[in-house]
Amino acid sequence: GGAEVLVLTLVADEGTAGGHGMLAGGQIPLNGRDPLKVNQLIVKRTMSYFGLPRGMTGTRLAKFG
């Protein structure tokens, strides 16, 4: 479980992922796709994984720089 399940869920059939316990990682090749669209897919899957409502926006906690 843990981090591996999260990363496997986010990457799904788009690339490769793996891990164990609290460590995991994954890769999604762009293969000519727009990086912003791939990012949107990952954000959508992340929000779904955590049960967050669609269209929810975040609030910056601190400003750096």
N, C-alpha and C. Protein backbone atom coordinates (compact mmCIF):
# COMPACT_ATOMS: atom_id res chain seq x y z
N GLY A 1 0.80 -1.19 0.00
CA GLY A 1 0.00 0.00 0.00
C GLY A 1 0.84 1.25 0.00
N GLY A 2 0.33 2.26 0.61
CA GLY A 2 1.04 3.53 0.78
C GLY A 2 1.35 4.25 -0.51
N ALA A 3 2.58 4.74 -0.60
CA ALA A 3 3.01 5.57 -1.72
C ALA A 3 2.93 4.83 -3.05
N GLU A 4 3.21 3.52 -3.04
CA GLU A 4 3.17 2.76 -4.28
C GLU A 4 1.77 2.79 -4.91
N VAL A 5 0.75 2.60 -4.09
CA VAL A 5 -0.63 2.62 -4.61
C VAL A 5 -0.95 3.99 -5.20
N LEU A 6 -0.55 5.05 -4.52
CA LEU A 6 -0.80 6.40 -5.03
C LEU A 6 -0.14 6.59 -6.39
N VAL A 7 1.14 6.29 -6.50
CA VAL A 7 1.87 6.52 -7.75
C VAL A 7 1.34 5.61 -8.86
N LEU A 8 1.03 4.37 -8.56
CA LEU A 8 0.46 3.48 -9.57
C LEU A 8 -0.88 4.01 -10.07
N THR A 9 -1.66 4.60 -9.17
CA THR A 9 -2.95 5.18 -9.55
C THR A 9 -2.76 6.41 -10.43
N LEU A 10 -1.80 7.25 -10.10
CA LEU A 10 -1.57 8.47 -10.87
C LEU A 10 -1.02 8.18 -12.26
N VAL A 11 -0.08 7.26 -12.34
CA VAL A 11 0.55 6.94 -13.62
C VAL A 11 -0.36 6.04 -14.46
N ALA A 12 -1.00 5.07 -13.82
CA ALA A 12 -1.89 4.10 -14.49
C ALA A 12 -1.24 3.55 -15.75
N ASP A 13 -1.93 3.62 -16.86
CA ASP A 13 -1.43 3.05 -18.11
C ASP A 13 -0.62 4.04 -18.95
N GLU A 14 -0.27 5.17 -18.37
CA GLU A 14 0.45 6.22 -19.10
C GLU A 14 1.97 6.02 -19.08
N GLY A 15 2.48 5.19 -18.15
CA GLY A 15 3.92 5.02 -18.02
C GLY A 15 4.24 3.90 -17.07
N THR A 16 5.31 4.08 -16.29
CA THR A 16 5.74 3.06 -15.35
C THR A 16 5.84 3.66 -13.95
N ALA A 17 5.59 2.81 -12.95
CA ALA A 17 5.65 3.28 -11.56
C ALA A 17 5.90 2.08 -10.65
N GLY A 18 6.38 2.39 -9.46
CA GLY A 18 6.59 1.34 -8.47
C GLY A 18 7.09 1.94 -7.18
N GLY A 19 7.25 1.10 -6.20
CA GLY A 19 7.75 1.54 -4.91
C GLY A 19 7.32 0.61 -3.81
N HIS A 20 7.53 1.06 -2.58
CA HIS A 20 7.11 0.30 -1.41
C HIS A 20 7.09 1.23 -0.21
N GLY A 21 6.18 0.95 0.70
CA GLY A 21 6.10 1.77 1.92
C GLY A 21 5.87 3.23 1.60
N MET A 22 6.79 4.06 2.10
CA MET A 22 6.64 5.50 1.93
C MET A 22 7.46 6.05 0.75
N LEU A 23 8.07 5.16 -0.05
CA LEU A 23 8.89 5.60 -1.19
C LEU A 23 8.31 5.05 -2.48
N ALA A 24 8.14 5.89 -3.47
CA ALA A 24 7.64 5.47 -4.76
C ALA A 24 7.98 6.51 -5.81
N GLY A 25 7.93 6.11 -7.05
CA GLY A 25 8.18 7.03 -8.14
C GLY A 25 7.58 6.50 -9.42
N GLY A 26 7.48 7.36 -10.40
CA GLY A 26 6.93 6.95 -11.67
C GLY A 26 7.38 7.87 -12.78
N GLN A 27 7.16 7.40 -14.00
CA GLN A 27 7.52 8.17 -15.19
C GLN A 27 6.37 8.10 -16.17
N ILE A 28 6.08 9.24 -16.79
CA ILE A 28 5.10 9.29 -17.86
C ILE A 28 5.80 9.94 -19.06
N PRO A 29 6.12 9.15 -20.08
CA PRO A 29 6.76 9.73 -21.27
C PRO A 29 5.80 10.68 -21.98
N LEU A 30 6.30 11.79 -22.46
CA LEU A 30 5.45 12.75 -23.16
C LEU A 30 5.11 12.26 -24.56
N ASN A 31 6.05 11.63 -25.24
CA ASN A 31 5.82 11.12 -26.60
C ASN A 31 5.11 12.15 -27.49
N GLY A 32 5.60 13.41 -27.43
CA GLY A 32 5.06 14.46 -28.26
C GLY A 32 3.81 15.14 -27.70
N ARG A 33 3.32 14.68 -26.56
CA ARG A 33 2.13 15.29 -25.97
C ARG A 33 2.48 16.60 -25.28
N ASP A 34 1.50 17.45 -25.14
CA ASP A 34 1.65 18.73 -24.45
C ASP A 34 1.87 18.46 -22.96
N PRO A 35 2.99 18.91 -22.39
CA PRO A 35 3.25 18.68 -20.96
C PRO A 35 2.14 19.23 -20.05
N LEU A 36 1.51 20.33 -20.45
CA LEU A 36 0.43 20.89 -19.62
C LEU A 36 -0.77 19.95 -19.56
N LYS A 37 -1.06 19.26 -20.67
CA LYS A 37 -2.17 18.32 -20.68
C LYS A 37 -1.87 17.09 -19.82
N VAL A 38 -0.62 16.65 -19.85
CA VAL A 38 -0.21 15.52 -19.00
C VAL A 38 -0.31 15.94 -17.54
N ASN A 39 0.11 17.17 -17.24
CA ASN A 39 0.00 17.69 -15.88
C ASN A 39 -1.46 17.73 -15.44
N GLN A 40 -2.35 18.19 -16.31
CA GLN A 40 -3.78 18.24 -15.97
C GLN A 40 -4.32 16.85 -15.66
N LEU A 41 -3.87 15.84 -16.40
CA LEU A 41 -4.29 14.47 -16.15
C LEU A 41 -3.84 14.01 -14.77
N ILE A 42 -2.59 14.32 -14.42
CA ILE A 42 -2.06 13.92 -13.11
C ILE A 42 -2.81 14.64 -11.99
N VAL A 43 -3.08 15.92 -12.16
CA VAL A 43 -3.82 16.69 -11.15
C VAL A 43 -5.22 16.10 -10.98
N LYS A 44 -5.89 15.80 -12.09
CA LYS A 44 -7.24 15.22 -12.04
C LYS A 44 -7.23 13.89 -11.29
N ARG A 45 -6.26 13.05 -11.60
CA ARG A 45 -6.16 11.75 -10.92
C ARG A 45 -5.83 11.91 -9.44
N THR A 46 -4.97 12.89 -9.12
CA THR A 46 -4.62 13.14 -7.72
C THR A 46 -5.84 13.57 -6.93
N MET A 47 -6.60 14.50 -7.49
CA MET A 47 -7.80 14.99 -6.79
C MET A 47 -8.81 13.87 -6.61
N SER A 48 -8.96 13.02 -7.61
CA SER A 48 -9.88 11.90 -7.52
C SER A 48 -9.41 10.91 -6.45
N TYR A 49 -8.11 10.63 -6.42
CA TYR A 49 -7.55 9.68 -5.45
C TYR A 49 -7.84 10.12 -4.02
N PHE A 50 -7.71 11.42 -3.78
CA PHE A 50 -7.93 11.95 -2.43
C PHE A 50 -9.38 12.36 -2.18
N GLY A 51 -10.25 12.14 -3.15
CA GLY A 51 -11.67 12.45 -2.97
C GLY A 51 -11.98 13.94 -2.93
N LEU A 52 -11.17 14.73 -3.61
CA LEU A 52 -11.39 16.18 -3.62
C LEU A 52 -12.37 16.54 -4.72
N PRO A 53 -13.23 17.53 -4.50
CA PRO A 53 -14.21 17.90 -5.51
C PRO A 53 -13.56 18.50 -6.75
N ARG A 54 -14.17 18.22 -7.89
CA ARG A 54 -13.70 18.75 -9.15
C ARG A 54 -13.78 20.27 -9.14
N GLY A 55 -12.77 20.93 -9.67
CA GLY A 55 -12.77 22.39 -9.75
C GLY A 55 -12.27 23.07 -8.48
N MET A 56 -11.94 22.28 -7.47
CA MET A 56 -11.43 22.85 -6.22
C MET A 56 -10.08 23.52 -6.50
N THR A 57 -9.85 24.66 -5.90
CA THR A 57 -8.58 25.35 -6.07
C THR A 57 -7.85 25.40 -4.74
N GLY A 58 -6.56 25.58 -4.82
CA GLY A 58 -5.74 25.63 -3.63
C GLY A 58 -5.47 27.05 -3.17
N THR A 59 -4.88 27.16 -2.01
CA THR A 59 -4.49 28.44 -1.46
C THR A 59 -3.01 28.38 -1.11
N ARG A 60 -2.27 29.35 -1.61
CA ARG A 60 -0.83 29.39 -1.33
C ARG A 60 -0.62 29.61 0.17
N LEU A 61 0.20 28.75 0.76
CA LEU A 61 0.47 28.85 2.19
C LEU A 61 1.55 29.87 2.50
N ALA A 62 2.52 29.99 1.61
CA ALA A 62 3.60 30.96 1.84
C ALA A 62 4.13 31.41 0.48
N LYS A 63 4.67 32.59 0.45
CA LYS A 63 5.22 33.11 -0.79
C LYS A 63 6.74 33.14 -0.64
N PHE A 64 7.41 32.52 -1.60
CA PHE A 64 8.86 32.50 -1.58
C PHE A 64 9.39 33.32 -2.75
N GLY A 65 10.49 34.03 -2.49
CA GLY A 65 11.14 34.78 -3.56
C GLY A 65 10.51 36.07 -3.76
